[in-house]
Amino acid sequence: QVQLVESGGGLVQAGGSLRLSCTVSGRTGIAYTLGWFRQVPGKEREFVAHITGYGGEISYADSVKGRFTISRDNAKNTVDLQMASLEPEDTATYYCAFSPGAPSHSSIAYKYWGQGTQVTVSS
């Protein structure tokens, strides 16, 4: 059973930065995709970014491109999301997700999820 645990959320002013981290356990090897999604109450879960096992493919949602950076440390089994120039619209619960297959922007492709970490950006 794969488990993911996020950390690093919090409250930050607009224009500030936060770094989220996710630790993966229960899976050997690196041939899987890790992604970050976010969700606000009443809305569908939204793709933020993903990175493949060897880091060969990285993709971002248009809304975060140029502001967020996803990275992965296969030796530590972690994936981070560095968020800069945060906006109130970035306020959401952020989830780390694991996909055993090809990278995707769809949450359906992701089989395992973390519990989520709250990010709140004040104006």
N, C-alpha and C. Protein backbone atom coordinates (compact mmCIF):
# COMPACT_ATOMS: atom_id res chain seq x y z
N GLN A 1 0.85 -1.20 0.00
CA GLN A 1 0.00 0.00 0.00
C GLN A 1 0.88 1.24 0.00
N VAL A 2 0.66 2.09 -0.96
CA VAL A 2 1.42 3.33 -1.05
C VAL A 2 0.80 4.37 -0.12
N GLN A 3 1.64 5.05 0.59
CA GLN A 3 1.17 6.13 1.46
C GLN A 3 1.90 7.42 1.12
N LEU A 4 1.18 8.52 1.17
CA LEU A 4 1.75 9.83 0.90
C LEU A 4 1.38 10.76 2.05
N VAL A 5 2.36 11.51 2.51
CA VAL A 5 2.14 12.44 3.61
C VAL A 5 2.68 13.81 3.21
N GLU A 6 1.78 14.80 3.18
CA GLU A 6 2.17 16.16 2.83
C GLU A 6 2.52 16.97 4.07
N SER A 7 3.32 17.99 3.85
CA SER A 7 3.63 18.94 4.90
C SER A 7 3.98 20.27 4.26
N GLY A 8 3.98 21.33 5.08
CA GLY A 8 4.45 22.61 4.58
C GLY A 8 3.39 23.65 4.30
N GLY A 9 2.13 23.30 4.46
CA GLY A 9 1.09 24.29 4.22
C GLY A 9 1.08 25.35 5.31
N GLY A 10 0.25 26.36 5.12
CA GLY A 10 0.14 27.41 6.12
C GLY A 10 -0.50 28.66 5.57
N LEU A 11 -0.34 29.73 6.33
CA LEU A 11 -0.91 31.03 5.97
C LEU A 11 0.22 31.95 5.51
N VAL A 12 0.00 32.60 4.38
CA VAL A 12 1.02 33.48 3.83
C VAL A 12 0.34 34.67 3.17
N GLN A 13 1.02 35.81 3.14
CA GLN A 13 0.46 36.97 2.48
C GLN A 13 0.65 36.88 0.97
N ALA A 14 -0.22 37.55 0.25
CA ALA A 14 -0.09 37.58 -1.21
C ALA A 14 1.31 38.08 -1.59
N GLY A 15 1.88 37.41 -2.58
CA GLY A 15 3.22 37.72 -3.01
C GLY A 15 4.29 36.90 -2.32
N GLY A 16 3.90 36.20 -1.29
CA GLY A 16 4.84 35.38 -0.53
C GLY A 16 5.07 34.01 -1.15
N SER A 17 5.84 33.21 -0.43
CA SER A 17 6.22 31.88 -0.91
C SER A 17 5.96 30.81 0.14
N LEU A 18 5.73 29.62 -0.33
CA LEU A 18 5.62 28.45 0.53
C LEU A 18 6.20 27.25 -0.20
N ARG A 19 6.68 26.30 0.56
CA ARG A 19 7.18 25.06 -0.04
C ARG A 19 6.44 23.89 0.58
N LEU A 20 5.78 23.13 -0.26
CA LEU A 20 5.10 21.91 0.18
C LEU A 20 6.00 20.71 -0.10
N SER A 21 5.91 19.73 0.78
CA SER A 21 6.69 18.52 0.59
C SER A 21 5.79 17.31 0.79
N CYS A 22 6.09 16.25 0.07
CA CYS A 22 5.31 15.02 0.17
C CYS A 22 6.28 13.85 0.22
N THR A 23 6.11 12.99 1.22
CA THR A 23 6.94 11.81 1.36
C THR A 23 6.13 10.58 0.96
N VAL A 24 6.73 9.75 0.11
CA VAL A 24 6.08 8.55 -0.41
C VAL A 24 6.68 7.32 0.26
N SER A 25 5.83 6.41 0.71
CA SER A 25 6.31 5.15 1.28
C SER A 25 5.47 4.00 0.73
N GLY A 26 6.02 2.80 0.83
CA GLY A 26 5.29 1.61 0.41
C GLY A 26 5.46 1.23 -1.04
N ARG A 27 6.43 1.87 -1.72
CA ARG A 27 6.63 1.57 -3.15
C ARG A 27 8.12 1.60 -3.43
N THR A 28 8.60 0.59 -4.10
CA THR A 28 10.00 0.57 -4.49
C THR A 28 10.14 1.05 -5.93
N GLY A 29 11.35 1.44 -6.27
CA GLY A 29 11.57 1.94 -7.62
C GLY A 29 11.09 3.36 -7.78
N ILE A 30 11.24 3.88 -8.98
CA ILE A 30 10.85 5.28 -9.23
C ILE A 30 9.99 5.43 -10.47
N ALA A 31 9.56 4.33 -11.05
CA ALA A 31 8.81 4.39 -12.30
C ALA A 31 7.34 4.71 -12.05
N TYR A 32 7.10 5.89 -11.50
CA TYR A 32 5.73 6.32 -11.30
C TYR A 32 5.71 7.84 -11.33
N THR A 33 4.54 8.37 -11.53
CA THR A 33 4.36 9.81 -11.60
C THR A 33 3.84 10.34 -10.27
N LEU A 34 4.36 11.46 -9.86
CA LEU A 34 3.84 12.16 -8.67
C LEU A 34 3.26 13.49 -9.10
N GLY A 35 2.14 13.80 -8.53
CA GLY A 35 1.48 15.04 -8.90
C GLY A 35 0.98 15.82 -7.70
N TRP A 36 0.70 17.08 -7.94
CA TRP A 36 0.05 17.93 -6.94
C TRP A 36 -1.27 18.43 -7.54
N PHE A 37 -2.29 18.34 -6.71
CA PHE A 37 -3.61 18.86 -7.06
C PHE A 37 -4.06 19.78 -5.93
N ARG A 38 -5.09 20.56 -6.20
CA ARG A 38 -5.65 21.41 -5.16
C ARG A 38 -7.15 21.45 -5.30
N GLN A 39 -7.79 21.75 -4.18
CA GLN A 39 -9.24 21.76 -4.18
C GLN A 39 -9.75 22.79 -3.17
N VAL A 40 -10.78 23.51 -3.58
CA VAL A 40 -11.50 24.40 -2.69
C VAL A 40 -12.90 23.84 -2.51
N PRO A 41 -13.53 24.13 -1.40
CA PRO A 41 -14.87 23.58 -1.15
C PRO A 41 -15.85 23.94 -2.26
N GLY A 42 -16.59 22.93 -2.71
CA GLY A 42 -17.59 23.16 -3.74
C GLY A 42 -17.08 23.09 -5.15
N LYS A 43 -15.77 22.87 -5.31
CA LYS A 43 -15.20 22.79 -6.65
C LYS A 43 -14.48 21.46 -6.84
N GLU A 44 -14.26 21.10 -8.09
CA GLU A 44 -13.55 19.86 -8.39
C GLU A 44 -12.06 20.01 -8.08
N ARG A 45 -11.46 18.87 -7.84
CA ARG A 45 -10.02 18.87 -7.60
C ARG A 45 -9.32 19.29 -8.90
N GLU A 46 -8.34 20.18 -8.76
CA GLU A 46 -7.70 20.81 -9.90
C GLU A 46 -6.23 20.40 -9.99
N PHE A 47 -5.81 20.05 -11.20
CA PHE A 47 -4.41 19.71 -11.42
C PHE A 47 -3.52 20.94 -11.21
N VAL A 48 -2.37 20.73 -10.58
CA VAL A 48 -1.40 21.80 -10.38
C VAL A 48 -0.10 21.50 -11.14
N ALA A 49 0.48 20.32 -10.87
CA ALA A 49 1.74 19.97 -11.52
C ALA A 49 1.98 18.47 -11.38
N HIS A 50 2.81 17.93 -12.28
CA HIS A 50 3.24 16.55 -12.10
C HIS A 50 4.67 16.38 -12.60
N ILE A 51 5.29 15.31 -12.14
CA ILE A 51 6.66 15.01 -12.52
C ILE A 51 6.80 13.49 -12.63
N THR A 52 7.47 13.02 -13.68
CA THR A 52 7.63 11.58 -13.85
C THR A 52 8.83 11.07 -13.04
N GLY A 53 9.02 9.76 -13.04
CA GLY A 53 10.01 9.13 -12.20
C GLY A 53 11.43 9.63 -12.40
N TYR A 54 11.80 9.79 -13.62
CA TYR A 54 13.15 10.24 -13.92
C TYR A 54 13.20 11.75 -14.15
N GLY A 55 12.09 12.41 -13.84
CA GLY A 55 12.05 13.86 -14.01
C GLY A 55 12.06 14.30 -15.44
N GLY A 56 11.84 13.34 -16.35
CA GLY A 56 11.91 13.69 -17.75
C GLY A 56 10.71 14.48 -18.25
N GLU A 57 9.61 14.37 -17.57
CA GLU A 57 8.43 15.11 -17.99
C GLU A 57 7.84 15.84 -16.80
N ILE A 58 7.77 17.13 -16.93
CA ILE A 58 7.18 18.00 -15.93
C ILE A 58 6.11 18.84 -16.62
N SER A 59 4.98 18.97 -15.95
CA SER A 59 3.89 19.76 -16.52
C SER A 59 3.23 20.58 -15.43
N TYR A 60 2.77 21.78 -15.81
CA TYR A 60 2.11 22.68 -14.87
C TYR A 60 0.77 23.13 -15.44
N ALA A 61 -0.14 23.42 -14.55
CA ALA A 61 -1.37 24.09 -14.95
C ALA A 61 -1.01 25.51 -15.39
N ASP A 62 -1.75 26.03 -16.33
CA ASP A 62 -1.46 27.38 -16.82
C ASP A 62 -1.53 28.41 -15.70
N SER A 63 -2.39 28.17 -14.72
CA SER A 63 -2.59 29.15 -13.65
C SER A 63 -1.39 29.28 -12.72
N VAL A 64 -0.50 28.30 -12.73
CA VAL A 64 0.65 28.35 -11.82
C VAL A 64 1.99 28.40 -12.57
N LYS A 65 1.95 28.28 -13.87
CA LYS A 65 3.16 28.24 -14.67
C LYS A 65 3.97 29.52 -14.44
N GLY A 66 5.25 29.35 -14.19
CA GLY A 66 6.12 30.49 -13.94
C GLY A 66 6.19 30.91 -12.49
N ARG A 67 5.29 30.37 -11.66
CA ARG A 67 5.27 30.72 -10.25
C ARG A 67 5.59 29.52 -9.36
N PHE A 68 5.15 28.34 -9.78
CA PHE A 68 5.36 27.12 -9.00
C PHE A 68 6.42 26.26 -9.68
N THR A 69 7.16 25.52 -8.84
CA THR A 69 8.17 24.60 -9.36
C THR A 69 8.04 23.27 -8.63
N ILE A 70 7.90 22.20 -9.40
CA ILE A 70 7.84 20.86 -8.82
C ILE A 70 9.20 20.20 -8.96
N SER A 71 9.59 19.46 -7.92
CA SER A 71 10.86 18.75 -7.96
C SER A 71 10.72 17.44 -7.21
N ARG A 72 11.65 16.56 -7.48
CA ARG A 72 11.53 15.21 -6.92
C ARG A 72 12.90 14.73 -6.50
N ASP A 73 12.97 14.09 -5.34
CA ASP A 73 14.21 13.49 -4.86
C ASP A 73 13.96 11.99 -4.72
N ASN A 74 14.40 11.23 -5.70
CA ASN A 74 14.12 9.79 -5.70
C ASN A 74 14.85 9.05 -4.58
N ALA A 75 15.96 9.57 -4.14
CA ALA A 75 16.70 8.93 -3.05
C ALA A 75 15.93 9.06 -1.73
N LYS A 76 15.22 10.17 -1.57
CA LYS A 76 14.47 10.41 -0.34
C LYS A 76 12.98 10.07 -0.49
N ASN A 77 12.57 9.71 -1.70
CA ASN A 77 11.15 9.43 -1.98
C ASN A 77 10.26 10.61 -1.63
N THR A 78 10.67 11.77 -2.06
CA THR A 78 9.90 12.98 -1.80
C THR A 78 9.63 13.75 -3.10
N VAL A 79 8.56 14.51 -3.08
CA VAL A 79 8.27 15.44 -4.15
C VAL A 79 7.87 16.75 -3.50
N ASP A 80 8.44 17.83 -3.98
CA ASP A 80 8.20 19.15 -3.41
C ASP A 80 7.50 20.05 -4.42
N LEU A 81 6.80 21.02 -3.89
CA LEU A 81 6.17 22.04 -4.71
C LEU A 81 6.56 23.39 -4.13
N GLN A 82 7.46 24.08 -4.81
CA GLN A 82 7.86 25.41 -4.40
C GLN A 82 6.90 26.41 -5.03
N MET A 83 6.23 27.18 -4.18
CA MET A 83 5.22 28.13 -4.67
C MET A 83 5.69 29.54 -4.37
N ALA A 84 5.72 30.36 -5.38
CA ALA A 84 6.15 31.75 -5.24
C ALA A 84 5.08 32.68 -5.82
N SER A 85 5.20 33.95 -5.49
CA SER A 85 4.24 34.96 -5.97
C SER A 85 2.81 34.49 -5.75
N LEU A 86 2.56 34.01 -4.55
CA LEU A 86 1.26 33.44 -4.25
C LEU A 86 0.17 34.51 -4.30
N GLU A 87 -0.99 34.06 -4.76
CA GLU A 87 -2.16 34.92 -4.91
C GLU A 87 -3.30 34.35 -4.07
N PRO A 88 -4.24 35.21 -3.66
CA PRO A 88 -5.39 34.69 -2.90
C PRO A 88 -6.10 33.55 -3.61
N GLU A 89 -6.08 33.56 -4.94
CA GLU A 89 -6.72 32.49 -5.72
C GLU A 89 -6.02 31.14 -5.57
N ASP A 90 -4.82 31.15 -5.00
CA ASP A 90 -4.11 29.89 -4.76
C ASP A 90 -4.56 29.21 -3.47
N THR A 91 -5.40 29.88 -2.70
CA THR A 91 -5.90 29.31 -1.46
C THR A 91 -6.68 28.03 -1.76
N ALA A 92 -6.28 26.94 -1.11
CA ALA A 92 -6.90 25.64 -1.35
C ALA A 92 -6.25 24.60 -0.44
N THR A 93 -6.83 23.43 -0.44
CA THR A 93 -6.17 22.27 0.15
C THR A 93 -5.37 21.61 -0.95
N TYR A 94 -4.10 21.41 -0.71
CA TYR A 94 -3.20 20.84 -1.70
C TYR A 94 -2.95 19.36 -1.38
N TYR A 95 -3.07 18.54 -2.43
CA TYR A 95 -2.91 17.10 -2.30
C TYR A 95 -1.77 16.58 -3.15
N CYS A 96 -1.01 15.69 -2.58
CA CYS A 96 0.01 14.95 -3.30
C CYS A 96 -0.65 13.67 -3.81
N ALA A 97 -0.28 13.24 -5.01
CA ALA A 97 -0.93 12.07 -5.60
C ALA A 97 0.07 11.20 -6.35
N PHE A 98 -0.23 9.91 -6.41
CA PHE A 98 0.64 8.90 -7.01
C PHE A 98 -0.08 8.22 -8.17
N SER A 99 0.58 8.19 -9.33
CA SER A 99 0.04 7.48 -10.47
C SER A 99 1.03 6.41 -10.93
N PRO A 100 0.58 5.16 -11.01
CA PRO A 100 1.47 4.08 -11.47
C PRO A 100 1.66 4.10 -12.98
N GLY A 101 0.88 4.89 -13.69
CA GLY A 101 0.93 4.88 -15.14
C GLY A 101 1.51 6.13 -15.73
N ALA A 102 1.08 6.43 -16.89
CA ALA A 102 1.59 7.59 -17.61
C ALA A 102 1.15 8.88 -16.91
N PRO A 103 1.91 9.94 -17.05
CA PRO A 103 1.53 11.21 -16.42
C PRO A 103 0.23 11.74 -17.01
N SER A 104 -0.54 12.40 -16.17
CA SER A 104 -1.84 12.89 -16.59
C SER A 104 -2.24 14.10 -15.78
N HIS A 105 -3.06 14.95 -16.39
CA HIS A 105 -3.63 16.09 -15.68
C HIS A 105 -4.95 15.70 -15.00
N SER A 106 -5.42 14.49 -15.25
CA SER A 106 -6.69 14.06 -14.69
C SER A 106 -6.50 13.35 -13.36
N SER A 107 -7.31 13.71 -12.38
CA SER A 107 -7.21 13.08 -11.06
C SER A 107 -7.56 11.59 -11.13
N ILE A 108 -8.28 11.19 -12.16
CA ILE A 108 -8.68 9.79 -12.28
C ILE A 108 -7.47 8.88 -12.45
N ALA A 109 -6.40 9.39 -13.01
CA ALA A 109 -5.20 8.59 -13.26
C ALA A 109 -4.41 8.30 -12.00
N TYR A 110 -4.69 9.01 -10.94
CA TYR A 110 -3.92 8.90 -9.71
C TYR A 110 -4.61 7.96 -8.73
N LYS A 111 -3.84 6.97 -8.28
CA LYS A 111 -4.43 5.89 -7.49
C LYS A 111 -4.37 6.15 -5.99
N TYR A 112 -3.33 6.82 -5.55
CA TYR A 112 -3.16 7.06 -4.12
C TYR A 112 -3.02 8.56 -3.87
N TRP A 113 -3.55 8.98 -2.72
CA TRP A 113 -3.58 10.40 -2.37
C TRP A 113 -3.14 10.62 -0.94
N GLY A 114 -2.53 11.76 -0.71
CA GLY A 114 -2.24 12.17 0.65
C GLY A 114 -3.48 12.75 1.31
N GLN A 115 -3.33 13.15 2.55
CA GLN A 115 -4.47 13.67 3.31
C GLN A 115 -4.74 15.14 3.03
N GLY A 116 -3.81 15.80 2.40
CA GLY A 116 -3.97 17.20 2.05
C GLY A 116 -3.36 18.13 3.08
N THR A 117 -2.92 19.29 2.60
CA THR A 117 -2.39 20.32 3.47
C THR A 117 -2.97 21.66 3.01
N GLN A 118 -3.38 22.47 3.98
CA GLN A 118 -4.08 23.71 3.66
C GLN A 118 -3.10 24.83 3.38
N VAL A 119 -3.35 25.53 2.30
CA VAL A 119 -2.60 26.74 1.96
C VAL A 119 -3.59 27.89 1.90
N THR A 120 -3.33 28.92 2.68
CA THR A 120 -4.20 30.09 2.69
C THR A 120 -3.36 31.33 2.39
N VAL A 121 -3.78 32.06 1.36
CA VAL A 121 -3.07 33.26 0.94
C VAL A 121 -3.97 34.46 1.22
N SER A 122 -3.50 35.33 2.08
CA SER A 122 -4.29 36.51 2.43
C SER A 122 -3.94 37.69 1.53
N SER A 123 -4.92 38.51 1.28
CA SER A 123 -4.71 39.66 0.38
C SER A 123 -4.25 40.89 1.14
